[in-house]
Amino acid sequence: MRRWRLVLGGGDAEGTGHALTGTDAAMDGALTALYGSRNQGRDRGDGRGRDRSGGLGGSAPSVARWLGDIRTYFPSSVVQVMQRDAIDRLGLATLLLEPEMLEAVEADVHLVGTLLSLGKAMPETTRETARAVVRKVVDDLEKRLATRTRAALTGALDRSARISRPRHRDIDWDRTIRANLKNYLPEYRTVVPERLVGHGRSSQAVRKEVVLCIDQSGSMAASVVHASVFGAVLASMRSIATRLVVFDTSVVDLTDRIDDPVDVLFGTQLGGGTDINRALAYCQARITRPADTVVVLISDLYEGGIRDEMLKRVAAMKASGVQFVALLALSDEGAPAYDRDHAAALAALGVPAFACTPDLFPEVMAAALEKRPLPIPTD
């Protein structure tokens, strides 16, 4: 009954008859401030109703207190959901322009997207605090994703460099033995290596080039954050030359900032229109080794530019040997909205467009580097 009372909010029709005290009452107050209805539970003249109207008001102090309360009473995952709802439902984005507010919030990818969308409206007094918030989220993401990404891509690069007639010191003994198990001779207790499997000798030379072409329209905020982190991870690998390009109706090359995802993120400007064709034209002009290049377009495909030209560019890049990957989103936020006609047109060119979680991205990139079928999610 206690839990039902917290869910239902204590209105006239709630029916639990359960009174809340102490911590439960405080939790109820925090929930009511965000989710309560101004018409819920008002006195109807029978003495039973109470004014349970919700609202955080417009002042930073009241919101800061509320943020402190929810962090006291709820786990971090719930706090992030409530913060997101407060920003979306109550229009609190402008309050994030105040440093004391930023220090009170629980940092997550959604909050970073909100801060980036505020852009130039953010005063200088807030900018350093905002950078600290973004830095925390980026560092957490990098710790979670970097090791697995490097391992997956290093393996892909090694496999793509494998040679069929290796010298003795270049033989991959583990794979050679597994490839020849059918040639095991029990009487000699040995494997006859009919086929040698080798890997290319280690080299510091660039073997592959990757171009991340990222749509920075407002709906792509979480994808921009994750792509910036992955860009930094890829740039740290000497065998991969990585270029990072963001676009709306204009194109900005942020490759010179790629080592620091925070600098990349503050170099973006979320919102505005979309010209995918223009962005792909920029990327296409900078490809020097098509057969060793992977282009990753991260966009919901709502094209404001020239659709037919965009498709021709994709077809031309594929014909030249470029591996082209189209991601409708790079986030954990579920199925995205996207232009289905453009997605179908890309699929007809042999470029399936699909949403990708950050955890799946290393496998997608490894498959693209090896030129094998992409691990496309089925649900």
Protein backbone atom coordinates (compact mmCIF):
# COMPACT_ATOMS: atom_id res chain seq x y z
CA MET A 1 0.00 0.00 0.00
CA ARG A 2 2.89 2.34 0.72
CA ARG A 3 4.26 1.85 -2.79
CA TRP A 4 0.84 2.31 -4.39
CA ARG A 5 0.39 5.49 -2.40
CA LEU A 6 3.71 6.85 -3.69
CA VAL A 7 2.76 5.94 -7.25
CA LEU A 8 -0.78 7.34 -7.17
CA GLY A 9 0.08 10.59 -5.45
CA GLY A 10 -2.61 10.92 -2.80
CA GLY A 11 -5.50 12.32 -4.84
CA ASP A 12 -9.20 11.93 -4.01
CA ALA A 13 -9.61 8.84 -6.16
CA GLU A 14 -6.41 7.21 -5.02
CA GLY A 15 -8.18 4.94 -2.52
CA THR A 16 -5.25 3.56 -0.55
CA GLY A 17 -5.97 5.46 2.64
CA HIS A 18 -2.28 5.20 3.46
CA ALA A 19 -0.61 8.12 5.19
CA LEU A 20 3.05 8.92 4.57
CA THR A 21 5.49 10.17 7.17
CA GLY A 22 9.19 10.93 7.46
CA THR A 23 11.32 9.94 4.47
CA ASP A 24 8.31 8.63 2.55
CA ALA A 25 6.61 12.00 2.83
CA ALA A 26 9.75 13.74 1.60
CA MET A 27 10.00 11.36 -1.36
CA ASP A 28 6.35 12.02 -2.15
CA GLY A 29 7.01 15.75 -2.09
CA ALA A 30 9.89 15.42 -4.55
CA LEU A 31 7.76 13.33 -6.90
CA THR A 32 4.79 15.69 -6.61
CA ALA A 33 6.94 18.70 -7.44
CA LEU A 34 7.74 17.13 -10.80
CA TYR A 35 4.81 14.86 -11.67
CA GLY A 36 1.90 16.28 -9.64
CA SER A 37 -1.06 17.81 -11.47
CA ARG A 38 -2.33 21.24 -10.50
CA ASN A 39 -5.85 19.85 -10.56
CA GLN A 40 -5.09 16.74 -8.57
CA GLY A 41 -6.53 16.41 -5.08
CA ARG A 42 -7.99 19.91 -4.76
CA ASP A 43 -10.64 20.38 -2.07
CA ARG A 44 -14.08 19.65 -3.50
CA GLY A 45 -15.95 20.92 -0.48
CA ASP A 46 -16.16 17.64 1.39
CA GLY A 47 -13.04 18.33 3.44
CA ARG A 48 -11.17 15.35 2.08
CA GLY A 49 -9.15 16.88 -0.73
CA ARG A 50 -5.80 18.63 -0.37
CA ASP A 51 -4.01 20.96 -2.76
CA ARG A 52 -1.39 18.64 -4.17
CA SER A 53 -0.36 20.91 -7.01
CA GLY A 54 3.08 20.25 -8.45
CA GLY A 55 5.78 22.58 -9.63
CA LEU A 56 9.34 23.57 -8.87
CA GLY A 57 8.83 27.25 -9.41
CA GLY A 58 11.20 29.32 -11.46
CA SER A 59 13.94 30.03 -8.94
CA ALA A 60 17.32 28.38 -8.91
CA PRO A 61 17.39 27.89 -5.12
CA SER A 62 14.15 25.88 -5.08
CA VAL A 63 15.33 23.73 -7.98
CA ALA A 64 18.75 23.21 -6.39
CA ARG A 65 17.07 22.03 -3.19
CA TRP A 66 14.87 19.67 -5.20
CA LEU A 67 17.93 18.27 -7.01
CA GLY A 68 19.56 17.64 -3.67
CA ASP A 69 16.42 15.91 -2.39
CA ILE A 70 16.10 13.48 -5.28
CA ARG A 71 19.77 12.53 -4.99
CA THR A 72 19.14 11.77 -1.32
CA TYR A 73 16.03 9.63 -1.83
CA PHE A 74 16.56 7.89 -5.19
CA PRO A 75 19.33 5.86 -6.89
CA SER A 76 21.45 7.49 -9.60
CA SER A 77 19.60 5.84 -12.50
CA VAL A 78 16.27 7.23 -11.24
CA VAL A 79 17.80 10.65 -10.56
CA GLN A 80 18.89 10.89 -14.19
CA VAL A 81 15.39 10.08 -15.43
CA MET A 82 13.83 12.66 -13.10
CA GLN A 83 16.33 15.33 -14.15
CA ARG A 84 15.56 14.62 -17.80
CA ASP A 85 11.83 14.89 -17.13
CA ALA A 86 12.32 18.13 -15.21
CA ILE A 87 14.23 19.67 -18.11
CA ASP A 88 11.70 18.49 -20.70
CA ARG A 89 8.44 19.00 -18.78
CA LEU A 90 9.16 22.13 -16.79
CA GLY A 91 11.48 24.02 -19.12
CA LEU A 92 14.42 24.18 -16.72
CA ALA A 93 17.13 24.30 -19.38
CA THR A 94 17.77 28.00 -18.84
CA LEU A 95 18.44 27.39 -15.15
CA LEU A 96 21.38 25.22 -16.16
CA LEU A 97 23.12 28.43 -17.19
CA GLU A 98 23.84 29.05 -13.51
CA PRO A 99 27.01 27.42 -12.06
CA GLU A 100 25.40 26.44 -8.75
CA MET A 101 22.71 24.55 -10.64
CA LEU A 102 25.23 22.60 -12.69
CA GLU A 103 27.10 21.59 -9.57
CA ALA A 104 23.89 20.12 -8.14
CA VAL A 105 22.83 17.92 -11.07
CA GLU A 106 23.72 14.29 -11.75
CA ALA A 107 25.81 14.31 -14.93
CA ASP A 108 24.76 12.05 -17.82
CA VAL A 109 24.73 12.00 -21.62
CA HIS A 110 21.32 13.68 -21.81
CA LEU A 111 22.51 16.55 -19.62
CA VAL A 112 25.59 17.00 -21.84
CA GLY A 113 23.30 17.24 -24.86
CA THR A 114 21.21 19.89 -23.12
CA LEU A 115 24.30 21.92 -22.21
CA LEU A 116 25.60 21.75 -25.77
CA SER A 117 22.24 22.88 -27.14
CA LEU A 118 22.43 25.99 -24.95
CA GLY A 119 25.60 26.86 -26.86
CA LYS A 120 26.41 30.53 -27.05
CA ALA A 121 23.68 31.42 -24.57
CA MET A 122 25.90 30.04 -21.84
CA PRO A 123 27.66 32.85 -19.93
CA GLU A 124 31.41 32.70 -19.33
CA THR A 125 30.85 32.25 -15.59
CA THR A 126 29.07 28.97 -16.34
CA ARG A 127 31.24 27.67 -19.16
CA GLU A 128 34.04 26.25 -16.98
CA THR A 129 31.54 24.49 -14.72
CA ALA A 130 29.81 23.10 -17.81
CA ARG A 131 33.14 21.83 -19.15
CA ALA A 132 33.75 20.05 -15.85
CA VAL A 133 30.33 18.37 -16.09
CA VAL A 134 30.96 17.32 -19.69
CA ARG A 135 34.47 16.12 -18.79
CA LYS A 136 33.08 13.82 -16.10
CA VAL A 137 30.59 12.20 -18.48
CA VAL A 138 33.18 11.85 -21.25
CA ASP A 139 35.77 10.30 -18.91
CA ASP A 140 33.22 7.79 -17.61
CA LEU A 141 32.25 6.82 -21.17
CA GLU A 142 35.86 6.48 -22.24
CA LYS A 143 36.68 4.19 -19.31
CA ARG A 144 33.72 1.98 -20.25
CA LEU A 145 34.30 1.85 -23.99
CA ALA A 146 37.99 2.41 -24.78
CA THR A 147 39.55 -0.94 -23.84
CA ARG A 148 36.99 -3.02 -25.68
CA THR A 149 37.15 -0.79 -28.75
CA ARG A 150 40.94 -0.93 -29.00
CA ALA A 151 40.93 -4.71 -28.53
CA ALA A 152 38.28 -5.28 -31.20
CA LEU A 153 39.90 -3.00 -33.76
CA THR A 154 43.44 -4.20 -33.10
CA GLY A 155 42.25 -7.74 -33.76
CA ALA A 156 40.51 -6.64 -36.94
CA LEU A 157 43.61 -4.85 -38.18
CA ASP A 158 45.78 -7.87 -37.45
CA ARG A 159 43.39 -10.18 -39.29
CA SER A 160 43.14 -7.85 -42.28
CA ALA A 161 46.94 -7.83 -42.49
CA ARG A 162 47.25 -11.63 -42.36
CA ILE A 163 49.32 -13.18 -45.12
CA SER A 164 48.99 -16.63 -46.72
CA ARG A 165 52.69 -17.47 -47.17
CA PRO A 166 54.32 -16.18 -43.99
CA ARG A 167 57.95 -16.38 -43.10
CA HIS A 168 58.72 -18.45 -40.02
CA ARG A 169 58.73 -15.49 -37.63
CA ASP A 170 55.41 -14.24 -39.06
CA ILE A 171 53.46 -17.48 -38.51
CA ASP A 172 50.39 -17.20 -36.31
CA TRP A 173 50.85 -20.56 -34.58
CA ASP A 174 47.55 -20.59 -32.74
CA ARG A 175 45.50 -20.10 -35.91
CA THR A 176 47.79 -22.38 -37.93
CA ILE A 177 47.24 -25.28 -35.52
CA ARG A 178 43.48 -24.74 -35.45
CA ALA A 179 43.36 -24.54 -39.25
CA ASN A 180 45.16 -27.88 -39.57
CA LEU A 181 43.55 -29.98 -36.84
CA LYS A 182 42.05 -32.22 -39.53
CA ASN A 183 45.62 -33.19 -40.41
CA TYR A 184 46.39 -34.57 -36.96
CA LEU A 185 48.38 -37.85 -37.10
CA PRO A 186 47.70 -39.89 -33.93
CA GLU A 187 50.64 -42.24 -34.43
CA TYR A 188 53.05 -39.30 -34.44
CA ARG A 189 51.00 -37.18 -32.08
CA THR A 190 51.45 -34.17 -34.29
CA VAL A 191 49.64 -31.89 -36.72
CA VAL A 192 50.86 -31.63 -40.29
CA PRO A 193 50.70 -27.91 -41.17
CA GLU A 194 49.36 -28.20 -44.69
CA ARG A 195 48.37 -24.52 -44.62
CA LEU A 196 50.29 -21.83 -42.76
CA VAL A 197 48.41 -18.85 -41.34
CA GLY A 198 50.42 -15.71 -40.77
CA HIS A 199 49.90 -12.15 -39.78
CA GLY A 200 51.60 -9.12 -41.19
CA ARG A 201 54.67 -7.93 -39.34
CA SER A 202 53.89 -5.21 -36.88
CA SER A 203 54.17 -1.75 -38.34
CA GLN A 204 53.60 1.77 -37.14
CA ALA A 205 52.34 2.76 -40.61
CA VAL A 206 48.72 3.76 -41.06
CA ARG A 207 46.80 0.77 -42.38
CA LYS A 208 43.24 2.11 -42.40
CA GLU A 209 41.53 5.48 -42.55
CA VAL A 210 38.25 6.22 -40.78
CA VAL A 211 36.00 9.21 -41.39
CA LEU A 212 33.32 9.93 -38.80
CA CYS A 213 30.69 12.20 -40.38
CA ILE A 214 28.32 13.29 -37.61
CA ASP A 215 24.95 15.02 -37.90
CA GLN A 216 24.79 17.69 -35.18
CA SER A 217 21.07 18.46 -35.46
CA GLY A 218 19.34 18.68 -32.08
CA SER A 219 17.87 15.16 -32.16
CA MET A 220 21.36 13.65 -32.48
CA ALA A 221 22.78 14.99 -29.18
CA ALA A 222 23.52 11.63 -27.53
CA SER A 223 25.05 10.32 -30.76
CA VAL A 224 27.35 13.33 -30.99
CA VAL A 225 28.59 12.68 -27.44
CA HIS A 226 29.33 9.00 -28.04
CA ALA A 227 30.85 9.61 -31.48
CA SER A 228 33.24 12.19 -30.00
CA VAL A 229 34.45 9.67 -27.43
CA PHE A 230 34.93 6.96 -30.05
CA GLY A 231 36.73 9.46 -32.28
CA ALA A 232 39.29 10.06 -29.54
CA VAL A 233 39.75 6.32 -29.01
CA LEU A 234 40.27 5.69 -32.73
CA ALA A 235 42.70 8.62 -32.95
CA SER A 236 44.82 7.03 -30.21
CA MET A 237 45.49 4.00 -32.45
CA ARG A 238 48.53 4.60 -34.65
CA SER A 239 47.37 2.20 -37.37
CA ILE A 240 44.19 4.19 -37.97
CA ALA A 241 44.06 7.73 -39.34
CA THR A 242 40.82 9.26 -38.09
CA ARG A 243 38.98 12.31 -39.37
CA LEU A 244 36.01 13.76 -37.47
CA VAL A 245 33.52 16.00 -39.29
CA VAL A 246 30.30 17.48 -37.90
CA PHE A 247 27.62 19.10 -39.96
CA ASP A 248 24.21 20.76 -40.08
CA THR A 249 23.74 23.02 -43.10
CA SER A 250 27.46 23.81 -42.88
CA VAL A 251 30.44 21.51 -42.39
CA VAL A 252 33.07 21.76 -39.65
CA ASP A 253 36.20 19.60 -39.56
CA LEU A 254 37.16 19.01 -35.92
CA THR A 255 40.00 16.58 -36.60
CA ASP A 256 42.51 18.94 -35.00
CA ARG A 257 40.60 18.61 -31.71
CA ILE A 258 39.90 14.89 -31.92
CA ASP A 259 42.30 13.93 -29.10
CA ASP A 260 40.02 15.68 -26.59
CA PRO A 261 36.30 14.80 -26.87
CA VAL A 262 35.39 17.76 -24.65
CA ASP A 263 36.98 20.17 -27.12
CA VAL A 264 35.13 18.40 -29.92
CA LEU A 265 31.81 18.69 -28.13
CA PHE A 266 32.25 22.38 -27.40
CA GLY A 267 33.14 22.82 -31.07
CA THR A 268 29.71 21.54 -32.10
CA GLN A 269 26.53 23.57 -32.28
CA LEU A 270 23.49 21.36 -31.80
CA GLY A 271 20.37 22.35 -33.72
CA GLY A 272 19.71 23.84 -37.11
CA GLY A 273 19.09 22.18 -40.46
CA THR A 274 20.80 19.28 -42.19
CA ASP A 275 22.75 19.01 -45.45
CA ILE A 276 24.10 15.47 -45.65
CA ASN A 277 25.08 15.84 -49.29
CA ARG A 278 27.34 18.78 -48.52
CA ALA A 279 28.99 16.92 -45.64
CA LEU A 280 29.61 13.81 -47.75
CA ALA A 281 31.07 15.96 -50.55
CA TYR A 282 33.59 17.35 -48.06
CA CYS A 283 34.50 13.87 -46.80
CA GLN A 284 34.70 12.38 -50.29
CA ALA A 285 37.17 15.06 -51.41
CA ARG A 286 39.55 14.08 -48.61
CA ILE A 287 39.67 10.33 -49.25
CA THR A 288 43.05 9.37 -50.69
CA ARG A 289 42.99 5.57 -50.21
CA PRO A 290 39.43 4.40 -50.96
CA ALA A 291 40.14 0.69 -50.57
CA ASP A 292 41.50 1.28 -47.05
CA THR A 293 38.88 3.79 -45.91
CA VAL A 294 35.75 3.41 -43.79
CA VAL A 295 33.21 6.25 -43.81
CA VAL A 296 30.72 6.25 -40.93
CA LEU A 297 27.72 8.52 -41.44
CA ILE A 298 25.84 9.08 -38.17
CA SER A 299 22.53 10.75 -38.99
CA ASP A 300 18.75 10.34 -38.79
CA LEU A 301 18.83 10.95 -42.58
CA TYR A 302 16.40 13.87 -42.58
CA GLU A 303 18.10 15.50 -45.55
CA GLY A 304 17.69 19.20 -46.26
CA GLY A 305 20.14 19.15 -49.15
CA ILE A 306 19.99 17.46 -52.54
CA ARG A 307 18.76 13.90 -52.01
CA ASP A 308 19.76 12.46 -55.39
CA GLU A 309 23.25 13.96 -55.15
CA MET A 310 23.67 12.47 -51.68
CA LEU A 311 22.81 8.99 -52.95
CA LYS A 312 25.11 9.39 -55.96
CA ARG A 313 28.00 10.27 -53.64
CA VAL A 314 27.40 7.20 -51.50
CA ALA A 315 27.26 5.01 -54.61
CA ALA A 316 30.46 6.58 -55.97
CA MET A 317 32.33 6.04 -52.72
CA LYS A 318 31.27 2.40 -52.55
CA ALA A 319 32.26 1.87 -56.19
CA SER A 320 35.73 3.22 -55.43
CA GLY A 321 36.21 0.68 -52.64
CA VAL A 322 35.16 2.70 -49.58
CA GLN A 323 33.40 0.79 -46.81
CA PHE A 324 30.33 2.91 -46.01
CA VAL A 325 28.43 2.55 -42.73
CA ALA A 326 25.18 4.45 -41.98
CA LEU A 327 24.11 4.68 -38.34
CA LEU A 328 20.72 6.21 -37.54
CA ALA A 329 21.88 6.75 -33.96
CA LEU A 330 24.85 5.91 -31.75
CA SER A 331 23.23 5.82 -28.33
CA ASP A 332 21.37 3.76 -25.73
CA GLU A 333 18.14 5.76 -26.15
CA GLY A 334 16.17 3.15 -28.07
CA ALA A 335 14.71 3.22 -31.58
CA PRO A 336 15.26 6.64 -33.19
CA ALA A 337 13.02 8.60 -35.51
CA TYR A 338 14.52 8.66 -39.01
CA ASP A 339 13.72 9.19 -42.68
CA ARG A 340 12.59 5.77 -43.85
CA ASP A 341 12.69 6.62 -47.56
CA HIS A 342 16.33 7.65 -47.37
CA ALA A 343 17.17 4.59 -45.28
CA ALA A 344 15.53 2.35 -47.90
CA ALA A 345 17.42 4.13 -50.69
CA LEU A 346 20.73 3.53 -48.92
CA ALA A 347 19.84 -0.12 -48.36
CA ALA A 348 19.23 -0.45 -52.11
CA LEU A 349 22.83 0.70 -52.59
CA GLY A 350 24.06 -2.01 -50.24
CA VAL A 351 24.36 0.34 -47.24
CA PRO A 352 21.95 -0.81 -44.52
CA ALA A 353 21.04 2.00 -42.12
CA PHE A 354 20.51 0.95 -38.51
CA ALA A 355 20.68 2.26 -34.96
CA CYS A 356 23.73 1.16 -32.99
CA THR A 357 24.40 1.11 -29.25
CA PRO A 358 27.82 2.21 -27.98
CA ASP A 359 28.52 -1.37 -26.86
CA LEU A 360 27.94 -2.71 -30.39
CA PHE A 361 29.97 -0.03 -32.17
CA PRO A 362 33.40 -1.73 -31.76
CA GLU A 363 32.04 -4.87 -33.45
CA VAL A 364 30.54 -2.79 -36.28
CA MET A 365 33.86 -1.01 -36.86
CA ALA A 366 35.84 -4.26 -36.70
CA ALA A 367 33.59 -5.81 -39.35
CA ALA A 368 33.91 -2.72 -41.56
CA LEU A 369 37.71 -2.74 -41.29
CA GLU A 370 37.78 -6.43 -42.27
CA LYS A 371 35.23 -5.88 -45.06
CA ARG A 372 32.89 -8.52 -43.74
CA PRO A 373 29.09 -8.29 -43.13
CA LEU A 374 28.13 -5.86 -40.39
CA PRO A 375 26.53 -7.21 -37.17
CA ILE A 376 23.19 -5.48 -37.73
CA PRO A 377 20.75 -5.71 -34.77
CA THR A 378 17.65 -7.72 -35.57
CA ASP A 379 15.28 -6.01 -33.11
